[in-house]
C-alpha cells in the first residue's frame, strides 16, 4: 500500500513537473509571440509615420502642382490676350497701310501731273524756276514801259531760264539713271570726323568691293563721296574723298550711302 502511495506520489510529481514544464514552454512561446507583436507594432507605427510623411509630401506636391497649373493657366490666358491684342494691332496697321497706299497713289498721280507740266525738271526745282521767271517778268515790266523791250528782255530771261532748266534736266536724268539701277543702300553706323572716315553697316556680302565708290546722302541731299579702305563680310571702313564733302556738313551715324556707279560694283 505504501509502495502504491509512493508510486502515485511520484506519478503526481512527474505529472506536475510535466505540466509545469509544459506551462513554462507555453509561456515562453507566448512571450516570444508578444515580443513579435510588439516589434510588429513598432514596425507598423514606423511605417505609418513614413506613409504619413509620404502623404504629406504628396499633398505638398499636389498643392504645388495645382499652383503651377493655375500659374500656367494664367500665363496661357495672358498669352491669348496678348495674341488677340497683337492681332488687333496688326489689323489696325494693315488698315493704316492700305490708307497710306491709297494716299501714295494720289500723290504719285499729282507728281506725274506736275512732271507733265514741267518735263525733265525735278519737283523741288519747279517753284524756284517759276519764281525766277515771275520775278524776272515783274522786274522787266516795272523798269521798261516799252512793250517790245519788255518782250525782248523777257525772252532773254526765259532763254536763260530754259538753259538753266536744260542743265537741271540733264542733271536729274543722270541721277535718275544712276538711282534706277542702283539697288544698293546702306547706313553709316559710326563716324570719325577728325580722321574723316566712317564705318558702314554693309560689306562684301552686300556686294561691295574694294573699288566701290559711294555717295553719302541725308534726306535725299548729296553730302559727299566715300572710298572703301577696308572691307569685311558685313561691314566696311571708308574714307571721305578729299574735297567731296559739302561746306558745313558734319557726317553722322544714320546717314545713308549708295553706289556712285552701278558698274563700279
C-alpha atoms as a PDB file:
ATOM      1  CA  UNK A   1       0.000   0.000   0.000  1.00  0.00           C
ATOM      2  CA  UNK A   2       2.826   2.387   0.811  1.00  0.00           C
ATOM      3  CA  UNK A   3       4.567   1.386  -2.312  1.00  0.00           C
ATOM      4  CA  UNK A   4       1.497   2.245  -4.311  1.00  0.00           C
ATOM      5  CA  UNK A   5       1.217   5.537  -2.487  1.00  0.00           C
ATOM      6  CA  UNK A   6       4.850   6.298  -3.324  1.00  0.00           C
ATOM      7  CA  UNK A   7       4.282   5.361  -6.883  1.00  0.00           C
ATOM      8  CA  UNK A   8       1.232   7.523  -7.097  1.00  0.00           C
ATOM      9  CA  UNK A   9       3.105  10.384  -5.445  1.00  0.00           C
ATOM     10  CA  UNK A  10       5.953  10.028  -7.929  1.00  0.00           C
ATOM     11  CA  UNK A  11       3.483   9.957 -10.785  1.00  0.00           C
ATOM     12  CA  UNK A  12       1.758  13.015  -9.369  1.00  0.00           C
ATOM     13  CA  UNK A  13       5.079  14.818  -9.025  1.00  0.00           C
ATOM     14  CA  UNK A  14       6.067  13.793 -12.543  1.00  0.00           C
ATOM     15  CA  UNK A  15       2.708  14.876 -13.854  1.00  0.00           C
ATOM     16  CA  UNK A  16       3.029  18.174 -12.020  1.00  0.00           C
ATOM     17  CA  UNK A  17       6.548  18.630 -13.358  1.00  0.00           C
ATOM     18  CA  UNK A  18       5.471  17.817 -16.853  1.00  0.00           C
ATOM     19  CA  UNK A  19       2.545  20.163 -16.561  1.00  0.00           C
ATOM     20  CA  UNK A  20       4.773  22.902 -15.141  1.00  0.00           C
ATOM     21  CA  UNK A  21       7.383  22.381 -17.835  1.00  0.00           C
ATOM     22  CA  UNK A  22       4.723  22.369 -20.473  1.00  0.00           C
ATOM     23  CA  UNK A  23       3.220  25.572 -18.985  1.00  0.00           C
ATOM     24  CA  UNK A  24       6.676  27.194 -18.912  1.00  0.00           C
ATOM     25  CA  UNK A  25       7.244  26.237 -22.528  1.00  0.00           C
ATOM     26  CA  UNK A  26       3.858  27.634 -23.492  1.00  0.00           C
ATOM     27  CA  UNK A  27       4.614  30.804 -21.529  1.00  0.00           C
ATOM     28  CA  UNK A  28       7.922  31.218 -23.337  1.00  0.00           C
ATOM     29  CA  UNK A  29       6.172  30.813 -26.638  1.00  0.00           C
ATOM     30  CA  UNK A  30       3.574  33.378 -25.633  1.00  0.00           C
ATOM     31  CA  UNK A  31       6.338  35.794 -24.583  1.00  0.00           C
ATOM     32  CA  UNK A  32       8.010  35.316 -27.952  1.00  0.00           C
ATOM     33  CA  UNK A  33       4.688  35.907 -29.672  1.00  0.00           C
ATOM     34  CA  UNK A  34       4.114  39.009 -27.567  1.00  0.00           C
ATOM     35  CA  UNK A  35       7.609  40.302 -28.389  1.00  0.00           C
ATOM     36  CA  UNK A  36       6.884  39.650 -32.048  1.00  0.00           C
ATOM     37  CA  UNK A  37       3.622  41.553 -31.797  1.00  0.00           C
ATOM     38  CA  UNK A  38       5.366  44.441 -30.050  1.00  0.00           C
ATOM     39  CA  UNK A  39       8.038  44.513 -32.767  1.00  0.00           C
ATOM     40  CA  UNK A  40       5.347  44.331 -35.416  1.00  0.00           C
ATOM     41  CA  UNK A  41       3.556  47.221 -33.725  1.00  0.00           C
ATOM     42  CA  UNK A  42       6.800  49.246 -33.684  1.00  0.00           C
ATOM     43  CA  UNK A  43       7.429  48.476 -37.368  1.00  0.00           C
ATOM     44  CA  UNK A  44       3.816  49.231 -38.225  1.00  0.00           C
ATOM     45  CA  UNK A  45       3.999  52.528 -36.313  1.00  0.00           C
ATOM     46  CA  UNK A  46       7.206  53.427 -38.137  1.00  0.00           C
ATOM     47  CA  UNK A  47       5.634  52.511 -41.468  1.00  0.00           C
ATOM     48  CA  UNK A  48       2.567  54.574 -40.626  1.00  0.00           C
ATOM     49  CA  UNK A  49       4.758  57.587 -39.874  1.00  0.00           C
ATOM     50  CA  UNK A  50       6.657  57.044 -43.131  1.00  0.00           C
ATOM     51  CA  UNK A  51       3.408  56.777 -45.065  1.00  0.00           C
ATOM     52  CA  UNK A  52       2.065  59.865 -43.308  1.00  0.00           C
ATOM     53  CA  UNK A  53       5.262  61.700 -44.304  1.00  0.00           C
ATOM     54  CA  UNK A  54       4.880  60.456 -47.858  1.00  0.00           C
ATOM     55  CA  UNK A  55       1.254  61.526 -47.859  1.00  0.00           C
ATOM     56  CA  UNK A  56       2.227  64.962 -46.550  1.00  0.00           C
ATOM     57  CA  UNK A  57       4.881  65.229 -49.259  1.00  0.00           C
ATOM     58  CA  UNK A  58       2.370  64.048 -51.847  1.00  0.00           C
ATOM     59  CA  UNK A  59      -0.153  66.625 -50.627  1.00  0.00           C
ATOM     60  CA  UNK A  60       2.527  69.329 -50.866  1.00  0.00           C
ATOM     61  CA  UNK A  61       3.477  68.147 -54.339  1.00  0.00           C
ATOM     62  CA  UNK A  62      -0.189  68.137 -55.313  1.00  0.00           C
ATOM     63  CA  UNK A  63      -0.658  71.661 -53.963  1.00  0.00           C
ATOM     64  CA  UNK A  64       2.479  72.780 -55.810  1.00  0.00           C
ATOM     65  CA  UNK A  65       1.267  71.116 -58.998  1.00  0.00           C
ATOM     66  CA  UNK A  66      -2.121  72.812 -58.644  1.00  0.00           C
ATOM     67  CA  UNK A  67      -0.385  76.129 -58.044  1.00  0.00           C
ATOM     68  CA  UNK A  68       1.825  75.611 -61.113  1.00  0.00           C
ATOM     69  CA  UNK A  69      -1.248  74.614 -63.105  1.00  0.00           C
ATOM     70  CA  UNK A  70      -3.010  77.810 -62.025  1.00  0.00           C
ATOM     71  CA  UNK A  71       0.036  79.872 -62.978  1.00  0.00           C
ATOM     72  CA  UNK A  72       0.290  78.081 -66.329  1.00  0.00           C
ATOM     73  CA  UNK A  73      -3.401  78.732 -67.000  1.00  0.00           C
ATOM     74  CA  UNK A  74      -2.962  82.381 -66.049  1.00  0.00           C
ATOM     75  CA  UNK A  75       0.070  82.696 -68.336  1.00  0.00           C
ATOM     76  CA  UNK A  76      -1.844  80.966 -71.125  1.00  0.00           C
ATOM     77  CA  UNK A  77      -4.752  83.360 -70.733  1.00  0.00           C
ATOM     78  CA  UNK A  78      -2.321  86.297 -70.694  1.00  0.00           C
ATOM     79  CA  UNK A  79      -0.654  84.967 -73.846  1.00  0.00           C
ATOM     80  CA  UNK A  80      -4.049  84.567 -75.533  1.00  0.00           C
ATOM     81  CA  UNK A  81      -4.947  88.117 -74.527  1.00  0.00           C
ATOM     82  CA  UNK A  82      -1.604  89.408 -75.831  1.00  0.00           C
ATOM     83  CA  UNK A  83      -2.042  87.469 -79.063  1.00  0.00           C
ATOM     84  CA  UNK A  84      -5.509  88.978 -79.505  1.00  0.00           C
ATOM     85  CA  UNK A  85      -4.116  92.433 -78.803  1.00  0.00           C
ATOM     86  CA  UNK A  86      -1.295  91.910 -81.321  1.00  0.00           C
ATOM     87  CA  UNK A  87      -3.764  90.605 -83.896  1.00  0.00           C
ATOM     88  CA  UNK A  88      -5.931  93.695 -83.406  1.00  0.00           C
ATOM     89  CA  UNK A  89      -2.847  95.910 -83.697  1.00  0.00           C
ATOM     90  CA  UNK A  90      -1.816  94.085 -86.871  1.00  0.00           C
ATOM     91  CA  UNK A  91      -5.293  94.577 -88.330  1.00  0.00           C
ATOM     92  CA  UNK A  92      -5.100  98.274 -87.455  1.00  0.00           C
ATOM     93  CA  UNK A  93      -1.647  98.604 -89.023  1.00  0.00           C
ATOM     94  CA  UNK A  94      -2.848  96.757 -92.121  1.00  0.00           C
ATOM     95  CA  UNK A  95      -5.712  99.216 -92.410  1.00  0.00           C
ATOM     96  CA  UNK A  96      -3.329 102.153 -91.984  1.00  0.00           C
ATOM     97  CA  UNK A  97      -1.053 100.691 -94.663  1.00  0.00           C
ATOM     98  CA  UNK A  98      -3.971 100.383 -97.068  1.00  0.00           C
ATOM     99  CA  UNK A  99      -4.898 104.023 -96.432  1.00  0.00           C
ATOM    100  CA  UNK A 100      -1.258 105.053 -96.857  1.00  0.00           C
ATOM    101  CA  UNK A 101      -1.030 103.090-100.116  1.00  0.00           C
ATOM    102  CA  UNK A 102      -4.134 104.851-101.424  1.00  0.00           C
ATOM    103  CA  UNK A 103      -2.704 108.243-100.426  1.00  0.00           C
ATOM    104  CA  UNK A 104       0.587 107.346-102.124  1.00  0.00           C
ATOM    105  CA  UNK A 105      -1.266 106.586-105.356  1.00  0.00           C
ATOM    106  CA  UNK A 106      -2.906 110.016-105.175  1.00  0.00           C
ATOM    107  CA  UNK A 107       0.441 111.699-104.515  1.00  0.00           C
ATOM    108  CA  UNK A 108       2.093 109.766-107.344  1.00  0.00           C
ATOM    109  CA  UNK A 109      -0.693 110.859-109.686  1.00  0.00           C
ATOM    110  CA  UNK A 110      -0.229 114.501-108.631  1.00  0.00           C
ATOM    111  CA  UNK A 111       3.539 114.232-109.124  1.00  0.00           C
ATOM    112  CA  UNK A 112       3.069 112.752-112.585  1.00  0.00           C
ATOM    113  CA  UNK A 113       0.746 115.637-113.460  1.00  0.00           C
ATOM    114  CA  UNK A 114       3.385 118.154-112.333  1.00  0.00           C
ATOM    115  CA  UNK A 115       6.085 116.334-114.275  1.00  0.00           C
ATOM    116  CA  UNK A 116       3.852 116.582-117.335  1.00  0.00           C
ATOM    117  CA  UNK A 117       3.709 120.369-116.934  1.00  0.00           C
ATOM    118  CA  UNK A 118       7.449 120.645-116.200  1.00  0.00           C
ATOM    119  CA  UNK A 119       9.020 117.736-118.117  1.00  0.00           C
ATOM    120  CA  UNK A 120      12.534 116.755-117.088  1.00  0.00           C
ATOM    121  CA  UNK A 121      12.652 119.117-114.092  1.00  0.00           C
ATOM    122  CA  UNK A 122      12.916 117.790-110.544  1.00  0.00           C
ATOM    123  CA  UNK A 123       9.858 118.685-108.492  1.00  0.00           C
ATOM    124  CA  UNK A 124      11.937 120.538-105.911  1.00  0.00           C
ATOM    125  CA  UNK A 125      13.214 122.855-108.677  1.00  0.00           C
ATOM    126  CA  UNK A 126       9.788 123.787-110.070  1.00  0.00           C
ATOM    127  CA  UNK A 127       8.876 126.511-107.516  1.00  0.00           C
ATOM    128  CA  UNK A 128      12.289 128.151-107.911  1.00  0.00           C
ATOM    129  CA  UNK A 129      12.116 128.136-111.719  1.00  0.00           C
ATOM    130  CA  UNK A 130       8.596 129.559-111.704  1.00  0.00           C
ATOM    131  CA  UNK A 131       9.507 132.156-109.096  1.00  0.00           C
ATOM    132  CA  UNK A 132      12.602 133.207-111.041  1.00  0.00           C
ATOM    133  CA  UNK A 133      10.543 133.601-114.188  1.00  0.00           C
ATOM    134  CA  UNK A 134       7.856 135.617-112.376  1.00  0.00           C
ATOM    135  CA  UNK A 135      10.464 137.820-110.694  1.00  0.00           C
ATOM    136  CA  UNK A 136      12.206 138.481-113.982  1.00  0.00           C
ATOM    137  CA  UNK A 137       8.927 139.319-115.661  1.00  0.00           C
ATOM    138  CA  UNK A 138       7.852 141.736-112.897  1.00  0.00           C
ATOM    139  CA  UNK A 139      11.245 143.397-112.888  1.00  0.00           C
ATOM    140  CA  UNK A 140      11.196 143.917-116.637  1.00  0.00           C
ATOM    141  CA  UNK A 141       7.624 145.254-116.613  1.00  0.00           C
ATOM    142  CA  UNK A 142       8.477 147.678-113.799  1.00  0.00           C
ATOM    143  CA  UNK A 143      11.637 149.012-115.430  1.00  0.00           C
ATOM    144  CA  UNK A 144      10.541 149.145-119.039  1.00  0.00           C
ATOM    145  CA  UNK A 145       7.278 150.505-120.361  1.00  0.00           C
ATOM    146  CA  UNK A 146       8.107 149.738-123.897  1.00  0.00           C
ATOM    147  CA  UNK A 147       6.319 146.528-124.827  1.00  0.00           C
ATOM    148  CA  UNK A 148       8.893 145.442-127.339  1.00  0.00           C
ATOM    149  CA  UNK A 149      11.760 145.989-124.909  1.00  0.00           C
ATOM    150  CA  UNK A 150       9.886 144.142-122.187  1.00  0.00           C
ATOM    151  CA  UNK A 151       9.230 141.293-124.591  1.00  0.00           C
ATOM    152  CA  UNK A 152      12.852 141.200-125.713  1.00  0.00           C
ATOM    153  CA  UNK A 153      14.251 141.151-122.173  1.00  0.00           C
ATOM    154  CA  UNK A 154      11.624 138.648-121.083  1.00  0.00           C
ATOM    155  CA  UNK A 155      12.598 136.389-123.956  1.00  0.00           C
ATOM    156  CA  UNK A 156      16.246 136.712-122.936  1.00  0.00           C
ATOM    157  CA  UNK A 157      15.425 135.787-119.331  1.00  0.00           C
ATOM    158  CA  UNK A 158      13.275 132.914-120.488  1.00  0.00           C
ATOM    159  CA  UNK A 159      16.119 131.700-122.684  1.00  0.00           C
ATOM    160  CA  UNK A 160      18.463 131.854-119.709  1.00  0.00           C
ATOM    161  CA  UNK A 161      15.937 130.017-117.568  1.00  0.00           C
ATOM    162  CA  UNK A 162      15.459 127.414-120.278  1.00  0.00           C
ATOM    163  CA  UNK A 163      19.218 126.916-120.459  1.00  0.00           C
ATOM    164  CA  UNK A 164      19.310 126.527-116.691  1.00  0.00           C
ATOM    165  CA  UNK A 165      16.328 124.192-116.899  1.00  0.00           C
ATOM    166  CA  UNK A 166      18.123 122.103-119.525  1.00  0.00           C
ATOM    167  CA  UNK A 167      21.138 121.837-117.250  1.00  0.00           C
ATOM    168  CA  UNK A 168      18.883 120.809-114.367  1.00  0.00           C
ATOM    169  CA  UNK A 169      17.085 118.301-116.589  1.00  0.00           C
ATOM    170  CA  UNK A 170      20.375 116.711-117.624  1.00  0.00           C
ATOM    171  CA  UNK A 171      21.480 116.521-114.005  1.00  0.00           C
ATOM    172  CA  UNK A 172      18.161 114.979-112.979  1.00  0.00           C
ATOM    173  CA  UNK A 173      18.275 112.437-115.809  1.00  0.00           C
ATOM    174  CA  UNK A 174      21.775 111.393-114.795  1.00  0.00           C
ATOM    175  CA  UNK A 175      20.622 110.999-111.192  1.00  0.00           C
ATOM    176  CA  UNK A 176      17.557 109.018-112.276  1.00  0.00           C
ATOM    177  CA  UNK A 177      19.639 106.657-114.418  1.00  0.00           C
ATOM    178  CA  UNK A 178      22.073 106.127-111.571  1.00  0.00           C
ATOM    179  CA  UNK A 179      19.378 105.553-108.952  1.00  0.00           C
ATOM    180  CA  UNK A 180      17.169 103.328-111.145  1.00  0.00           C
ATOM    181  CA  UNK A 181      19.934 100.730-111.480  1.00  0.00           C
ATOM    182  CA  UNK A 182      21.312 101.279-108.010  1.00  0.00           C
ATOM    183  CA  UNK A 183      19.632  98.872-105.596  1.00  0.00           C
ATOM    184  CA  UNK A 184      22.413  99.043-103.011  1.00  0.00           C
ATOM    185  CA  UNK A 185      21.767 101.152 -99.931  1.00  0.00           C
ATOM    186  CA  UNK A 186      23.413 101.011 -96.508  1.00  0.00           C
ATOM    187  CA  UNK A 187      23.655 103.038 -93.310  1.00  0.00           C
ATOM    188  CA  UNK A 188      26.657 104.699 -91.701  1.00  0.00           C
ATOM    189  CA  UNK A 189      26.907 103.208 -88.194  1.00  0.00           C
ATOM    190  CA  UNK A 190      29.930 105.145 -86.876  1.00  0.00           C
ATOM    191  CA  UNK A 191      31.758 108.365 -87.820  1.00  0.00           C
ATOM    192  CA  UNK A 192      35.184 109.808 -87.036  1.00  0.00           C
ATOM    193  CA  UNK A 193      35.067 113.385 -88.334  1.00  0.00           C
ATOM    194  CA  UNK A 194      38.557 114.097 -87.006  1.00  0.00           C
ATOM    195  CA  UNK A 195      40.136 111.483 -89.274  1.00  0.00           C
ATOM    196  CA  UNK A 196      37.470 111.712 -91.993  1.00  0.00           C
ATOM    197  CA  UNK A 197      36.398 108.080 -92.115  1.00  0.00           C
ATOM    198  CA  UNK A 198      33.176 106.185 -91.444  1.00  0.00           C
ATOM    199  CA  UNK A 199      32.031 102.631 -90.713  1.00  0.00           C
ATOM    200  CA  UNK A 200      29.277 101.292 -92.975  1.00  0.00           C
ATOM    201  CA  UNK A 201      26.814  98.568 -91.943  1.00  0.00           C
ATOM    202  CA  UNK A 202      27.389  96.551 -95.123  1.00  0.00           C
ATOM    203  CA  UNK A 203      30.313  94.685 -96.667  1.00  0.00           C
ATOM    204  CA  UNK A 204      31.315  92.028 -99.168  1.00  0.00           C
ATOM    205  CA  UNK A 205      28.096  90.055 -98.586  1.00  0.00           C
ATOM    206  CA  UNK A 206      26.140  93.123 -99.725  1.00  0.00           C
ATOM    207  CA  UNK A 207      28.104  93.327-102.978  1.00  0.00           C
ATOM    208  CA  UNK A 208      30.740  95.920-102.039  1.00  0.00           C
ATOM    209  CA  UNK A 209      34.281  95.635-103.401  1.00  0.00           C
ATOM    210  CA  UNK A 210      37.484  97.478-102.700  1.00  0.00           C
ATOM    211  CA  UNK A 211      36.874  99.538-105.857  1.00  0.00           C
ATOM    212  CA  UNK A 212      33.345 100.605-104.902  1.00  0.00           C
ATOM    213  CA  UNK A 213      32.776 104.359-104.760  1.00  0.00           C
ATOM    214  CA  UNK A 214      29.898 105.526-102.572  1.00  0.00           C
ATOM    215  CA  UNK A 215      27.702 108.612-102.318  1.00  0.00           C
ATOM    216  CA  UNK A 216      26.617 109.946 -98.908  1.00  0.00           C
ATOM    217  CA  UNK A 217      23.002 111.118 -98.622  1.00  0.00           C
ATOM    218  CA  UNK A 218      20.810 112.640 -95.930  1.00  0.00           C
ATOM    219  CA  UNK A 219      17.125 113.332 -96.565  1.00  0.00           C
ATOM    220  CA  UNK A 220      17.764 112.999-100.307  1.00  0.00           C
ATOM    221  CA  UNK A 221      20.642 115.547-100.318  1.00  0.00           C
ATOM    222  CA  UNK A 222      24.103 114.593-101.562  1.00  0.00           C
ATOM    223  CA  UNK A 223      26.650 115.277 -98.810  1.00  0.00           C
ATOM    224  CA  UNK A 224      29.875 113.817-100.201  1.00  0.00           C
ATOM    225  CA  UNK A 225      31.678 110.746-101.521  1.00  0.00           C
ATOM    226  CA  UNK A 226      33.450 107.760 -99.926  1.00  0.00           C
ATOM    227  CA  UNK A 227      36.297 105.452-100.927  1.00  0.00           C
ATOM    228  CA  UNK A 228      36.475 101.932 -99.460  1.00  0.00           C
ATOM    229  CA  UNK A 229      39.622 101.457 -97.352  1.00  0.00           C
ATOM    230  CA  UNK A 230      38.838  98.226 -95.501  1.00  0.00           C
ATOM    231  CA  UNK A 231      36.279  95.568 -96.360  1.00  0.00           C
ATOM    232  CA  UNK A 232      34.753  92.907 -94.098  1.00  0.00           C
ATOM    233  CA  UNK A 233      31.924  90.438 -94.828  1.00  0.00           C
ATOM    234  CA  UNK A 234      29.261  92.568 -93.109  1.00  0.00           C
ATOM    235  CA  UNK A 235      30.975  95.937 -92.558  1.00  0.00           C
ATOM    236  CA  UNK A 236      33.287  98.307 -94.363  1.00  0.00           C
ATOM    237  CA  UNK A 237      35.515 101.247 -93.449  1.00  0.00           C
ATOM    238  CA  UNK A 238      35.538 104.103 -95.953  1.00  0.00           C
ATOM    239  CA  UNK A 239      37.479 107.374 -96.181  1.00  0.00           C
ATOM    240  CA  UNK A 240      35.806 110.630 -97.153  1.00  0.00           C
ATOM    241  CA  UNK A 241      37.009 111.543-100.636  1.00  0.00           C
ATOM    242  CA  UNK A 242      39.053 114.759-100.279  1.00  0.00           C
ATOM    243  CA  UNK A 243      37.167 117.834-101.447  1.00  0.00           C
ATOM    244  CA  UNK A 244      33.864 115.971-101.900  1.00  0.00           C
ATOM    245  CA  UNK A 245      32.209 116.947 -98.605  1.00  0.00           C
ATOM    246  CA  UNK A 246      29.846 119.926 -98.795  1.00  0.00           C
ATOM    247  CA  UNK A 247      30.801 123.023 -96.798  1.00  0.00           C
ATOM    248  CA  UNK A 248      29.479 122.965 -93.259  1.00  0.00           C
ATOM    249  CA  UNK A 249      28.387 119.316 -93.426  1.00  0.00           C
ATOM    250  CA  UNK A 250      29.211 117.105 -90.434  1.00  0.00           C
ATOM    251  CA  UNK A 251      28.658 113.422 -91.107  1.00  0.00           C
ATOM    252  CA  UNK A 252      26.719 111.460 -88.513  1.00  0.00           C
ATOM    253  CA  UNK A 253      25.562 107.921 -87.811  1.00  0.00           C
ATOM    254  CA  UNK A 254      22.361 107.193 -89.701  1.00  0.00           C
ATOM    255  CA  UNK A 255      23.418 108.904 -92.932  1.00  0.00           C
ATOM    256  CA  UNK A 256      22.723 106.734 -95.983  1.00  0.00           C
ATOM    257  CA  UNK A 257      25.160 105.589 -98.674  1.00  0.00           C
ATOM    258  CA  UNK A 258      24.546 104.326-102.216  1.00  0.00           C
ATOM    259  CA  UNK A 259      26.847 103.295-105.048  1.00  0.00           C
ATOM    260  CA  UNK A 260      28.114 106.198-107.150  1.00  0.00           C
ATOM    261  CA  UNK A 261      28.096 103.953-110.203  1.00  0.00           C
ATOM    262  CA  UNK A 262      26.412 100.576-110.609  1.00  0.00           C
ATOM    263  CA  UNK A 263      29.148  99.409-112.980  1.00  0.00           C
ATOM    264  CA  UNK A 264      31.701 100.040-110.241  1.00  0.00           C
ATOM    265  CA  UNK A 265      30.191  97.224-108.265  1.00  0.00           C
END
